[in-house]
Structures are given as structure tokens and as C-alpha cells.
Amino acid sequence: MKRYISAYFEDEENLLRATKELRAQDVSIQDVLTPFPVHGLDTALGYKRSNLPTVAFICGGIGLAVAFGFQTWAFTVDYPLFIGGKPHFAIPSFIPITFELTVLFASFGMAIAFFIRSKLGPGARTVIHDERSTDDRFVIIVDLDEAGSQDDVVKGILEKEDAMNIQVKEIEL
């Protein structure tokens, strides 16, 4: 059994202040759910910059090498054709396919990396904390097992920032 506190906010400013206050008290926040992006929340939670652009660049480079390499091999070694006096190794004619495969590999690489990093693959179990978190509610979730004996401190901070529905919940892993 895993214990956690979930608190609901109507205003993103209160959520942001509560997040900063909890982090200042060294309370580990498990997750924050918002219906739209909240400016400054990622820095308040202490998130580092994502490595997704690096993954996209590497996968795009692989796609570029595969496309250019395959076309070079196909048109110069495997099946060279004389088409209108064009040379076998005609780089300008390789550009459209090379571009398309670069974009394809980068997009698939980013999607796969995102699903792996977010643990959203097949068989992933999700917990819906509040149905309205996708409409108009902001939810902050604090893991009580990691917070230790700071239950009262966490509840006090959340109440001070006008959290509406503070609940202690348990979930089976």
C-alpha cells in the first residue's frame, strides 16, 4: 500500500505557491496535474531540461544516414540506371527522400523515447485522481511514504494556500 495526499486547487497561482512552499520544506512532490501548462511550474518542481531534443537529433541523423546511404548504394552499386544523362551519384535528387526519412526517424524516435521515459507503454496502470483535472482543477500529489512524518506540515501548507479537497488516499501497487 502506498499512501499519498491529493489536494485540489481552483487557481494556478495558489498551486504554484503551494508547490514552491512544499519544495522549500524539502517535501517530495510526486506529481502535479494541470488542465493547461502553468508558466514556472517546471522550475518550481525542480525539473531539469528534457533530453528529447537530443534524442530527436540523433534519430534524425540516423534517418539521414540511412536514406542517403541506401540511395547511394541503390543508384551506384546495386542498380545503376542511365536516366537522361544524369550521373549515378546525383545528390540533388536524393534530397527529398533524405529529408522525409530524417523527419520520420526523428518523430518516431521522439515518440518511442517519450513513451519509454513516461512509462506509458502497453500494460501501464494509470490512476485518475480527479476527473475534473482535465477541465478546470489543479491537483498536487504528495507521496506520504517519502515525506516521512511531515503529514501535518504538508496539510498545513496546502490549507494555507486554499486547497479545496485535501484527501489522504491509499493505492495498491
C-alpha atoms as a PDB file:
ATOM      1  CA  MET A   1       0.000   0.000   0.000  1.00  0.00           C
ATOM      2  CA  LYS A   2       1.188   3.433  -0.915  1.00  0.00           C
ATOM      3  CA  ARG A   3      -0.158   6.486   0.901  1.00  0.00           C
ATOM      4  CA  TYR A   4      -0.397   9.922  -0.631  1.00  0.00           C
ATOM      5  CA  ILE A   5      -2.144  13.255  -0.171  1.00  0.00           C
ATOM      6  CA  SER A   6      -4.025  14.809  -3.062  1.00  0.00           C
ATOM      7  CA  ALA A   7      -5.171  18.396  -2.911  1.00  0.00           C
ATOM      8  CA  TYR A   8      -7.256  20.314  -5.435  1.00  0.00           C
ATOM      9  CA  PHE A   9      -6.905  23.964  -6.366  1.00  0.00           C
ATOM     10  CA  GLU A  10      -9.115  26.257  -8.415  1.00  0.00           C
ATOM     11  CA  ASP A  11      -6.369  28.772  -9.138  1.00  0.00           C
ATOM     12  CA  GLU A  12      -2.942  28.118 -10.640  1.00  0.00           C
ATOM     13  CA  GLU A  13      -1.325  30.859  -8.535  1.00  0.00           C
ATOM     14  CA  ASN A  14      -2.249  29.040  -5.318  1.00  0.00           C
ATOM     15  CA  LEU A  15      -0.941  25.789  -6.784  1.00  0.00           C
ATOM     16  CA  LEU A  16       2.350  27.432  -7.734  1.00  0.00           C
ATOM     17  CA  ARG A  17       2.784  28.988  -4.284  1.00  0.00           C
ATOM     18  CA  ALA A  18       1.980  25.666  -2.578  1.00  0.00           C
ATOM     19  CA  THR A  19       4.460  23.862  -4.810  1.00  0.00           C
ATOM     20  CA  LYS A  20       7.214  26.341  -4.002  1.00  0.00           C
ATOM     21  CA  GLU A  21       6.453  26.177  -0.279  1.00  0.00           C
ATOM     22  CA  LEU A  22       6.438  22.364  -0.233  1.00  0.00           C
ATOM     23  CA  ARG A  23       9.752  22.258  -2.094  1.00  0.00           C
ATOM     24  CA  ALA A  24      11.199  24.811   0.355  1.00  0.00           C
ATOM     25  CA  GLN A  25      10.253  22.432   3.208  1.00  0.00           C
ATOM     26  CA  ASP A  26      12.026  19.539   1.353  1.00  0.00           C
ATOM     27  CA  VAL A  27       8.765  17.689   0.765  1.00  0.00           C
ATOM     28  CA  SER A  28       8.895  15.368  -2.240  1.00  0.00           C
ATOM     29  CA  ILE A  29       6.056  16.109  -4.648  1.00  0.00           C
ATOM     30  CA  GLN A  30       5.039  13.048  -6.634  1.00  0.00           C
ATOM     31  CA  ASP A  31       3.072  14.820  -9.359  1.00  0.00           C
ATOM     32  CA  VAL A  32       1.166  17.962 -10.281  1.00  0.00           C
ATOM     33  CA  LEU A  33      -1.750  17.687 -12.708  1.00  0.00           C
ATOM     34  CA  THR A  34      -2.978  20.745 -14.569  1.00  0.00           C
ATOM     35  CA  PRO A  35      -5.548  21.218 -17.343  1.00  0.00           C
ATOM     36  CA  PHE A  36      -3.179  23.563 -19.202  1.00  0.00           C
ATOM     37  CA  PRO A  37       0.534  24.459 -18.947  1.00  0.00           C
ATOM     38  CA  VAL A  38       1.349  26.632 -15.945  1.00  0.00           C
ATOM     39  CA  HIS A  39       4.251  29.015 -16.504  1.00  0.00           C
ATOM     40  CA  GLY A  40       7.039  28.447 -13.963  1.00  0.00           C
ATOM     41  CA  LEU A  41       5.737  25.126 -12.629  1.00  0.00           C
ATOM     42  CA  ASP A  42       8.603  23.094 -14.079  1.00  0.00           C
ATOM     43  CA  THR A  43      11.191  25.272 -12.342  1.00  0.00           C
ATOM     44  CA  ALA A  44       9.156  25.238  -9.108  1.00  0.00           C
ATOM     45  CA  LEU A  45       9.179  21.435  -9.217  1.00  0.00           C
ATOM     46  CA  GLY A  46      12.918  21.411  -9.934  1.00  0.00           C
ATOM     47  CA  TYR A  47      12.661  19.612 -13.269  1.00  0.00           C
ATOM     48  CA  LYS A  48      15.731  19.532 -15.463  1.00  0.00           C
ATOM     49  CA  ARG A  49      15.675  20.307 -19.170  1.00  0.00           C
ATOM     50  CA  SER A  50      14.408  17.416 -21.282  1.00  0.00           C
ATOM     51  CA  ASN A  51      16.745  15.252 -23.367  1.00  0.00           C
ATOM     52  CA  LEU A  52      14.067  14.813 -26.035  1.00  0.00           C
ATOM     53  CA  PRO A  53      15.700  17.290 -28.488  1.00  0.00           C
ATOM     54  CA  THR A  54      18.942  15.303 -28.259  1.00  0.00           C
ATOM     55  CA  VAL A  55      17.056  12.078 -28.989  1.00  0.00           C
ATOM     56  CA  ALA A  56      15.378  13.776 -31.970  1.00  0.00           C
ATOM     57  CA  PHE A  57      18.715  14.984 -33.328  1.00  0.00           C
ATOM     58  CA  ILE A  58      20.341  11.553 -33.011  1.00  0.00           C
ATOM     59  CA  CYS A  59      17.380   9.725 -34.558  1.00  0.00           C
ATOM     60  CA  GLY A  60      17.174  12.313 -37.337  1.00  0.00           C
ATOM     61  CA  GLY A  61      20.885  11.833 -38.041  1.00  0.00           C
ATOM     62  CA  ILE A  62      20.367   8.083 -38.238  1.00  0.00           C
ATOM     63  CA  GLY A  63      17.467   8.623 -40.653  1.00  0.00           C
ATOM     64  CA  LEU A  64      19.610  10.935 -42.780  1.00  0.00           C
ATOM     65  CA  ALA A  65      22.443   8.385 -42.922  1.00  0.00           C
ATOM     66  CA  VAL A  66      20.078   5.504 -43.746  1.00  0.00           C
ATOM     67  CA  ALA A  67      18.302   7.424 -46.522  1.00  0.00           C
ATOM     68  CA  PHE A  68      21.433   8.830 -48.107  1.00  0.00           C
ATOM     69  CA  GLY A  69      23.357   5.576 -47.741  1.00  0.00           C
ATOM     70  CA  PHE A  70      20.599   3.447 -49.217  1.00  0.00           C
ATOM     71  CA  GLN A  71      20.068   5.747 -52.187  1.00  0.00           C
ATOM     72  CA  THR A  72      23.798   5.930 -52.819  1.00  0.00           C
ATOM     73  CA  TRP A  73      24.102   2.138 -52.746  1.00  0.00           C
ATOM     74  CA  ALA A  74      20.980   1.549 -54.838  1.00  0.00           C
ATOM     75  CA  PHE A  75      21.799   4.041 -57.597  1.00  0.00           C
ATOM     76  CA  THR A  76      25.567   3.454 -57.845  1.00  0.00           C
ATOM     77  CA  VAL A  77      26.155  -0.210 -56.923  1.00  0.00           C
ATOM     78  CA  ASP A  78      23.011  -2.316 -56.974  1.00  0.00           C
ATOM     79  CA  TYR A  79      21.014  -0.994 -59.924  1.00  0.00           C
ATOM     80  CA  PRO A  80      22.680   1.896 -61.780  1.00  0.00           C
ATOM     81  CA  LEU A  81      20.469   3.356 -64.498  1.00  0.00           C
ATOM     82  CA  PHE A  82      21.163   5.994 -67.106  1.00  0.00           C
ATOM     83  CA  ILE A  83      18.251   8.407 -66.925  1.00  0.00           C
ATOM     84  CA  GLY A  84      18.501  11.398 -69.209  1.00  0.00           C
ATOM     85  CA  GLY A  85      22.277  11.653 -68.874  1.00  0.00           C
ATOM     86  CA  LYS A  86      22.032  12.123 -65.112  1.00  0.00           C
ATOM     87  CA  PRO A  87      25.039  10.832 -63.145  1.00  0.00           C
ATOM     88  CA  HIS A  88      24.528   7.824 -60.884  1.00  0.00           C
ATOM     89  CA  PHE A  89      25.558   9.761 -57.773  1.00  0.00           C
ATOM     90  CA  ALA A  90      23.184  12.737 -58.151  1.00  0.00           C
ATOM     91  CA  ILE A  91      22.962  14.339 -54.717  1.00  0.00           C
ATOM     92  CA  PRO A  92      20.192  16.885 -55.536  1.00  0.00           C
ATOM     93  CA  SER A  93      17.803  14.078 -56.457  1.00  0.00           C
ATOM     94  CA  PHE A  94      18.478  12.399 -53.085  1.00  0.00           C
ATOM     95  CA  ILE A  95      17.370  15.429 -51.032  1.00  0.00           C
ATOM     96  CA  PRO A  96      13.553  14.875 -50.894  1.00  0.00           C
ATOM     97  CA  ILE A  97      13.753  11.258 -49.712  1.00  0.00           C
ATOM     98  CA  THR A  98      16.605  12.069 -47.327  1.00  0.00           C
ATOM     99  CA  PHE A  99      14.576  14.897 -45.796  1.00  0.00           C
ATOM    100  CA  GLU A 100      11.468  12.740 -45.403  1.00  0.00           C
ATOM    101  CA  LEU A 101      13.313   9.865 -43.730  1.00  0.00           C
ATOM    102  CA  THR A 102      15.134  12.294 -41.420  1.00  0.00           C
ATOM    103  CA  VAL A 103      11.793  13.670 -40.223  1.00  0.00           C
ATOM    104  CA  LEU A 104      10.271  10.175 -39.971  1.00  0.00           C
ATOM    105  CA  PHE A 105      13.112   8.744 -37.872  1.00  0.00           C
ATOM    106  CA  ALA A 106      13.219  11.844 -35.624  1.00  0.00           C
ATOM    107  CA  SER A 107       9.463  11.760 -34.978  1.00  0.00           C
ATOM    108  CA  PHE A 108       9.322   8.019 -34.302  1.00  0.00           C
ATOM    109  CA  GLY A 109      12.416   8.247 -32.104  1.00  0.00           C
ATOM    110  CA  MET A 110      10.899  11.067 -30.032  1.00  0.00           C
ATOM    111  CA  ALA A 111       7.577   9.238 -29.650  1.00  0.00           C
ATOM    112  CA  ILE A 112       9.259   5.995 -28.565  1.00  0.00           C
ATOM    113  CA  ALA A 113      11.597   7.835 -26.155  1.00  0.00           C
ATOM    114  CA  PHE A 114       8.659   9.749 -24.683  1.00  0.00           C
ATOM    115  CA  PHE A 115       6.622   6.588 -24.088  1.00  0.00           C
ATOM    116  CA  ILE A 116       9.595   4.783 -22.538  1.00  0.00           C
ATOM    117  CA  ARG A 117      10.516   7.720 -20.275  1.00  0.00           C
ATOM    118  CA  SER A 118       6.907   8.317 -19.212  1.00  0.00           C
ATOM    119  CA  LYS A 119       6.253   4.610 -18.654  1.00  0.00           C
ATOM    120  CA  LEU A 120       3.189   4.812 -20.901  1.00  0.00           C
ATOM    121  CA  GLY A 121       3.720   1.603 -22.813  1.00  0.00           C
ATOM    122  CA  PRO A 122       1.400  -1.372 -23.068  1.00  0.00           C
ATOM    123  CA  GLY A 123       0.098  -2.539 -19.690  1.00  0.00           C
ATOM    124  CA  ALA A 124       0.667   0.807 -17.977  1.00  0.00           C
ATOM    125  CA  ARG A 125      -1.601   1.374 -14.984  1.00  0.00           C
ATOM    126  CA  THR A 126      -2.946   4.870 -14.573  1.00  0.00           C
ATOM    127  CA  VAL A 127      -4.659   6.342 -11.544  1.00  0.00           C
ATOM    128  CA  ILE A 128      -7.241   9.042 -12.166  1.00  0.00           C
ATOM    129  CA  HIS A 129      -7.112  11.329  -9.139  1.00  0.00           C
ATOM    130  CA  ASP A 130      -9.936  13.614 -10.209  1.00  0.00           C
ATOM    131  CA  GLU A 131     -11.996  13.660 -13.396  1.00  0.00           C
ATOM    132  CA  ARG A 132     -12.055  17.464 -13.375  1.00  0.00           C
ATOM    133  CA  SER A 133      -8.240  17.762 -13.521  1.00  0.00           C
ATOM    134  CA  THR A 134      -8.553  17.869 -17.314  1.00  0.00           C
ATOM    135  CA  ASP A 135     -11.218  20.595 -17.199  1.00  0.00           C
ATOM    136  CA  ASP A 136     -10.641  23.198 -14.523  1.00  0.00           C
ATOM    137  CA  ARG A 137      -8.930  21.708 -11.460  1.00  0.00           C
ATOM    138  CA  PHE A 138      -5.292  21.705 -10.461  1.00  0.00           C
ATOM    139  CA  VAL A 139      -4.132  18.700  -8.447  1.00  0.00           C
ATOM    140  CA  ILE A 140      -0.987  18.303  -6.382  1.00  0.00           C
ATOM    141  CA  ILE A 141       0.018  14.850  -5.151  1.00  0.00           C
ATOM    142  CA  VAL A 142       2.478  14.338  -2.302  1.00  0.00           C
ATOM    143  CA  ASP A 143       3.763  10.859  -1.505  1.00  0.00           C
ATOM    144  CA  LEU A 144       3.446  10.367   2.264  1.00  0.00           C
ATOM    145  CA  ASP A 145       5.839   7.402   2.286  1.00  0.00           C
ATOM    146  CA  GLU A 146       8.636   9.668   1.018  1.00  0.00           C
ATOM    147  CA  ALA A 147       7.534  12.671   3.095  1.00  0.00           C
ATOM    148  CA  GLY A 148       8.081  10.701   6.298  1.00  0.00           C
ATOM    149  CA  SER A 149       6.442  12.211   9.358  1.00  0.00           C
ATOM    150  CA  GLN A 150       5.642  15.543   7.729  1.00  0.00           C
ATOM    151  CA  ASP A 151       1.923  14.837   7.232  1.00  0.00           C
ATOM    152  CA  ASP A 152       0.829  17.811   9.343  1.00  0.00           C
ATOM    153  CA  VAL A 153       3.334  20.146   7.669  1.00  0.00           C
ATOM    154  CA  VAL A 154       2.060  19.155   4.224  1.00  0.00           C
ATOM    155  CA  LYS A 155      -1.595  19.585   5.228  1.00  0.00           C
ATOM    156  CA  GLY A 156      -0.826  22.951   6.830  1.00  0.00           C
ATOM    157  CA  ILE A 157       0.862  24.299   3.711  1.00  0.00           C
ATOM    158  CA  LEU A 158      -1.952  23.059   1.485  1.00  0.00           C
ATOM    159  CA  GLU A 159      -4.641  24.571   3.734  1.00  0.00           C
ATOM    160  CA  LYS A 160      -2.764  27.877   3.868  1.00  0.00           C
ATOM    161  CA  GLU A 161      -2.839  28.055   0.057  1.00  0.00           C
ATOM    162  CA  ASP A 162      -6.621  27.421  -0.098  1.00  0.00           C
ATOM    163  CA  ALA A 163      -6.538  23.812  -1.256  1.00  0.00           C
ATOM    164  CA  MET A 164     -10.116  22.649  -1.607  1.00  0.00           C
ATOM    165  CA  ASN A 165     -10.291  18.913  -1.139  1.00  0.00           C
ATOM    166  CA  ILE A 166      -7.331  17.553   0.789  1.00  0.00           C
ATOM    167  CA  GLN A 167      -7.563  13.758   0.902  1.00  0.00           C
ATOM    168  CA  VAL A 168      -5.267  11.072   2.211  1.00  0.00           C
ATOM    169  CA  LYS A 169      -5.548   8.099  -0.122  1.00  0.00           C
ATOM    170  CA  GLU A 170      -4.034   4.636  -0.362  1.00  0.00           C
ATOM    171  CA  ILE A 171      -3.294   2.696  -3.504  1.00  0.00           C
ATOM    172  CA  GLU A 172      -2.149  -0.870  -4.050  1.00  0.00           C
ATOM    173  CA  LEU A 173       0.948  -1.273  -6.165  1.00  0.00           C
END
